[in-house]
Amino acid sequence: MKWREMDTETRYQIIEMAMSGKAKPGELCKNFGMSRQTLHRAIERAKEAVRESLAPGPAGRRPRPESELTIKDLQ
């Protein structure tokens, strides 16, 4: 099965195995039919997503969308 055909959970498990050292990247690439470049790119994208999710965001609640405003809010 190619990388493009894999579901999200399978991709996550492959990346987790590579990052935790449970399997060597070369073995994963061979077993799942992907290039090392694809695996390394996926690992870097996963790391970047983690960094972004841990970045501090704005304080407080998000403003309500205009579609949810009531007549009272508009007066």
N, C-alpha and C. Protein backbone atom coordinates (compact mmCIF):
# COMPACT_ATOMS: atom_id res chain seq x y z
N MET A 1 0.84 -1.17 0.00
CA MET A 1 0.00 0.00 0.00
C MET A 1 0.89 1.24 0.00
N LYS A 2 0.61 2.17 -0.89
CA LYS A 2 1.40 3.38 -0.99
C LYS A 2 0.97 4.39 0.06
N TRP A 3 1.86 5.35 0.33
CA TRP A 3 1.62 6.37 1.34
C TRP A 3 0.31 7.11 1.07
N ARG A 4 0.06 7.45 -0.17
CA ARG A 4 -1.15 8.20 -0.52
C ARG A 4 -2.42 7.40 -0.25
N GLU A 5 -2.31 6.10 -0.27
CA GLU A 5 -3.48 5.24 -0.08
C GLU A 5 -3.73 4.90 1.39
N MET A 6 -2.79 5.23 2.26
CA MET A 6 -2.92 4.89 3.68
C MET A 6 -3.86 5.85 4.39
N ASP A 7 -4.57 5.33 5.38
CA ASP A 7 -5.43 6.19 6.19
C ASP A 7 -4.57 6.91 7.23
N THR A 8 -5.17 7.86 7.89
CA THR A 8 -4.45 8.70 8.85
C THR A 8 -3.86 7.89 10.00
N GLU A 9 -4.61 6.94 10.51
CA GLU A 9 -4.14 6.14 11.65
C GLU A 9 -2.90 5.32 11.28
N THR A 10 -2.89 4.74 10.09
CA THR A 10 -1.74 3.96 9.65
C THR A 10 -0.52 4.85 9.51
N ARG A 11 -0.70 6.03 8.91
CA ARG A 11 0.40 6.97 8.77
C ARG A 11 0.96 7.36 10.14
N TYR A 12 0.05 7.64 11.07
CA TYR A 12 0.47 8.01 12.43
C TYR A 12 1.29 6.89 13.07
N GLN A 13 0.85 5.67 12.93
CA GLN A 13 1.56 4.54 13.52
C GLN A 13 2.95 4.37 12.92
N ILE A 14 3.07 4.57 11.63
CA ILE A 14 4.38 4.46 10.98
C ILE A 14 5.31 5.55 11.50
N ILE A 15 4.82 6.78 11.57
CA ILE A 15 5.64 7.89 12.07
C ILE A 15 6.03 7.65 13.52
N GLU A 16 5.09 7.16 14.32
CA GLU A 16 5.38 6.89 15.73
C GLU A 16 6.45 5.80 15.87
N MET A 17 6.37 4.74 15.05
CA MET A 17 7.38 3.69 15.12
C MET A 17 8.76 4.23 14.75
N ALA A 18 8.81 5.09 13.75
CA ALA A 18 10.09 5.65 13.32
C ALA A 18 10.67 6.58 14.38
N MET A 19 9.83 7.42 14.97
CA MET A 19 10.31 8.39 15.95
C MET A 19 10.68 7.74 17.28
N SER A 20 10.00 6.68 17.66
CA SER A 20 10.27 6.03 18.94
C SER A 20 11.43 5.04 18.86
N GLY A 21 11.84 4.70 17.66
CA GLY A 21 12.93 3.75 17.49
C GLY A 21 12.48 2.30 17.53
N LYS A 22 11.18 2.06 17.49
CA LYS A 22 10.66 0.68 17.49
C LYS A 22 11.01 -0.05 16.20
N ALA A 23 11.20 0.72 15.15
CA ALA A 23 11.60 0.14 13.86
C ALA A 23 12.54 1.12 13.16
N LYS A 24 13.46 0.60 12.40
CA LYS A 24 14.38 1.43 11.66
C LYS A 24 13.67 2.03 10.46
N PRO A 25 13.99 3.28 10.13
CA PRO A 25 13.34 3.92 8.99
C PRO A 25 13.48 3.12 7.69
N GLY A 26 14.63 2.53 7.47
CA GLY A 26 14.83 1.72 6.27
C GLY A 26 13.89 0.53 6.19
N GLU A 27 13.67 -0.11 7.34
CA GLU A 27 12.75 -1.25 7.39
C GLU A 27 11.32 -0.81 7.12
N LEU A 28 10.93 0.32 7.72
CA LEU A 28 9.58 0.83 7.50
C LEU A 28 9.35 1.16 6.03
N CYS A 29 10.33 1.81 5.42
CA CYS A 29 10.21 2.17 4.00
C CYS A 29 10.07 0.92 3.13
N LYS A 30 10.87 -0.08 3.43
CA LYS A 30 10.82 -1.31 2.66
C LYS A 30 9.48 -2.03 2.86
N ASN A 31 9.05 -2.14 4.11
CA ASN A 31 7.82 -2.87 4.41
C ASN A 31 6.56 -2.19 3.88
N PHE A 32 6.57 -0.86 3.87
CA PHE A 32 5.38 -0.13 3.46
C PHE A 32 5.51 0.47 2.06
N GLY A 33 6.59 0.19 1.38
CA GLY A 33 6.76 0.62 0.00
C GLY A 33 6.79 2.13 -0.18
N MET A 34 7.57 2.79 0.64
CA MET A 34 7.70 4.24 0.52
C MET A 34 9.16 4.63 0.46
N SER A 35 9.42 5.81 -0.02
CA SER A 35 10.80 6.28 -0.08
C SER A 35 11.20 6.86 1.27
N ARG A 36 12.50 6.89 1.51
CA ARG A 36 13.00 7.49 2.76
C ARG A 36 12.63 8.97 2.81
N GLN A 37 12.67 9.61 1.65
CA GLN A 37 12.32 11.03 1.59
C GLN A 37 10.88 11.26 2.05
N THR A 38 9.97 10.40 1.63
CA THR A 38 8.56 10.52 2.05
C THR A 38 8.44 10.35 3.55
N LEU A 39 9.11 9.37 4.10
CA LEU A 39 9.04 9.14 5.54
C LEU A 39 9.64 10.31 6.32
N HIS A 40 10.79 10.79 5.91
CA HIS A 40 11.42 11.90 6.62
C HIS A 40 10.60 13.18 6.51
N ARG A 41 9.99 13.40 5.36
CA ARG A 41 9.13 14.57 5.18
C ARG A 41 7.92 14.46 6.11
N ALA A 42 7.33 13.28 6.23
CA ALA A 42 6.18 13.07 7.11
C ALA A 42 6.56 13.29 8.57
N ILE A 43 7.73 12.83 8.96
CA ILE A 43 8.19 13.02 10.34
C ILE A 43 8.37 14.50 10.63
N GLU A 44 8.97 15.23 9.71
CA GLU A 44 9.17 16.67 9.90
C GLU A 44 7.85 17.41 9.97
N ARG A 45 6.89 17.02 9.14
CA ARG A 45 5.57 17.65 9.17
C ARG A 45 4.88 17.37 10.51
N ALA A 46 5.03 16.16 11.03
CA ALA A 46 4.43 15.81 12.32
C ALA A 46 5.07 16.63 13.44
N LYS A 47 6.38 16.78 13.41
CA LYS A 47 7.07 17.57 14.43
C LYS A 47 6.61 19.03 14.37
N GLU A 48 6.47 19.56 13.16
CA GLU A 48 6.03 20.95 12.99
C GLU A 48 4.60 21.13 13.52
N ALA A 49 3.74 20.15 13.28
CA ALA A 49 2.36 20.22 13.77
C ALA A 49 2.33 20.23 15.30
N VAL A 50 3.22 19.45 15.92
CA VAL A 50 3.30 19.43 17.38
C VAL A 50 3.77 20.79 17.88
N ARG A 51 4.79 21.35 17.25
CA ARG A 51 5.30 22.66 17.67
C ARG A 51 4.20 23.72 17.59
N GLU A 52 3.45 23.72 16.47
CA GLU A 52 2.38 24.70 16.29
C GLU A 52 1.28 24.52 17.33
N SER A 53 0.97 23.28 17.68
CA SER A 53 -0.11 23.05 18.63
C SER A 53 0.29 23.48 20.04
N LEU A 54 1.57 23.55 20.32
CA LEU A 54 2.04 23.95 21.65
C LEU A 54 2.33 25.44 21.77
N ALA A 55 2.26 26.16 20.67
CA ALA A 55 2.53 27.59 20.69
C ALA A 55 1.41 28.30 21.45
N PRO A 56 1.76 29.31 22.23
CA PRO A 56 0.73 30.03 22.96
C PRO A 56 -0.20 30.77 22.01
N GLY A 57 -1.46 30.76 22.35
CA GLY A 57 -2.45 31.45 21.54
C GLY A 57 -2.97 32.67 22.26
N PRO A 58 -3.89 33.38 21.64
CA PRO A 58 -4.45 34.56 22.30
C PRO A 58 -5.27 34.17 23.52
N ALA A 59 -5.24 35.01 24.52
CA ALA A 59 -5.97 34.74 25.76
C ALA A 59 -7.45 35.04 25.58
N GLY A 60 -8.27 34.37 26.34
CA GLY A 60 -9.70 34.63 26.33
C GLY A 60 -10.46 33.78 25.34
N ARG A 61 -11.75 34.01 25.33
CA ARG A 61 -12.61 33.27 24.41
C ARG A 61 -12.51 33.82 23.00
N ARG A 62 -12.85 32.96 22.07
CA ARG A 62 -12.91 33.41 20.69
C ARG A 62 -14.18 34.25 20.51
N PRO A 63 -14.12 35.27 19.68
CA PRO A 63 -15.33 36.05 19.44
C PRO A 63 -16.37 35.21 18.68
N ARG A 64 -17.63 35.48 18.97
CA ARG A 64 -18.68 34.74 18.29
C ARG A 64 -18.75 35.17 16.84
N PRO A 65 -18.99 34.23 15.94
CA PRO A 65 -19.15 34.60 14.53
C PRO A 65 -20.39 35.47 14.35
N GLU A 66 -20.37 36.32 13.34
CA GLU A 66 -21.49 37.21 13.09
C GLU A 66 -22.78 36.44 12.85
N SER A 67 -22.68 35.25 12.33
CA SER A 67 -23.87 34.46 12.05
C SER A 67 -24.58 34.04 13.34
N GLU A 68 -23.91 34.07 14.48
CA GLU A 68 -24.50 33.68 15.75
C GLU A 68 -24.98 34.87 16.58
N LEU A 69 -24.75 36.08 16.11
CA LEU A 69 -25.18 37.25 16.86
C LEU A 69 -26.70 37.33 16.86
N THR A 70 -27.23 37.75 17.97
CA THR A 70 -28.69 37.88 18.09
C THR A 70 -29.08 39.32 17.88
N ILE A 71 -30.38 39.57 17.79
CA ILE A 71 -30.87 40.93 17.60
C ILE A 71 -30.45 41.81 18.77
N LYS A 72 -30.47 41.25 20.00
CA LYS A 72 -30.09 42.02 21.18
C LYS A 72 -28.63 42.47 21.08
N ASP A 73 -27.78 41.59 20.56
CA ASP A 73 -26.36 41.93 20.42
C ASP A 73 -26.16 43.04 19.41
N LEU A 74 -27.01 43.10 18.41
CA LEU A 74 -26.86 44.08 17.33
C LEU A 74 -27.42 45.45 17.70
N GLN A 75 -28.28 45.56 18.75
CA GLN A 75 -28.89 46.84 19.10
C GLN A 75 -27.97 47.71 19.91
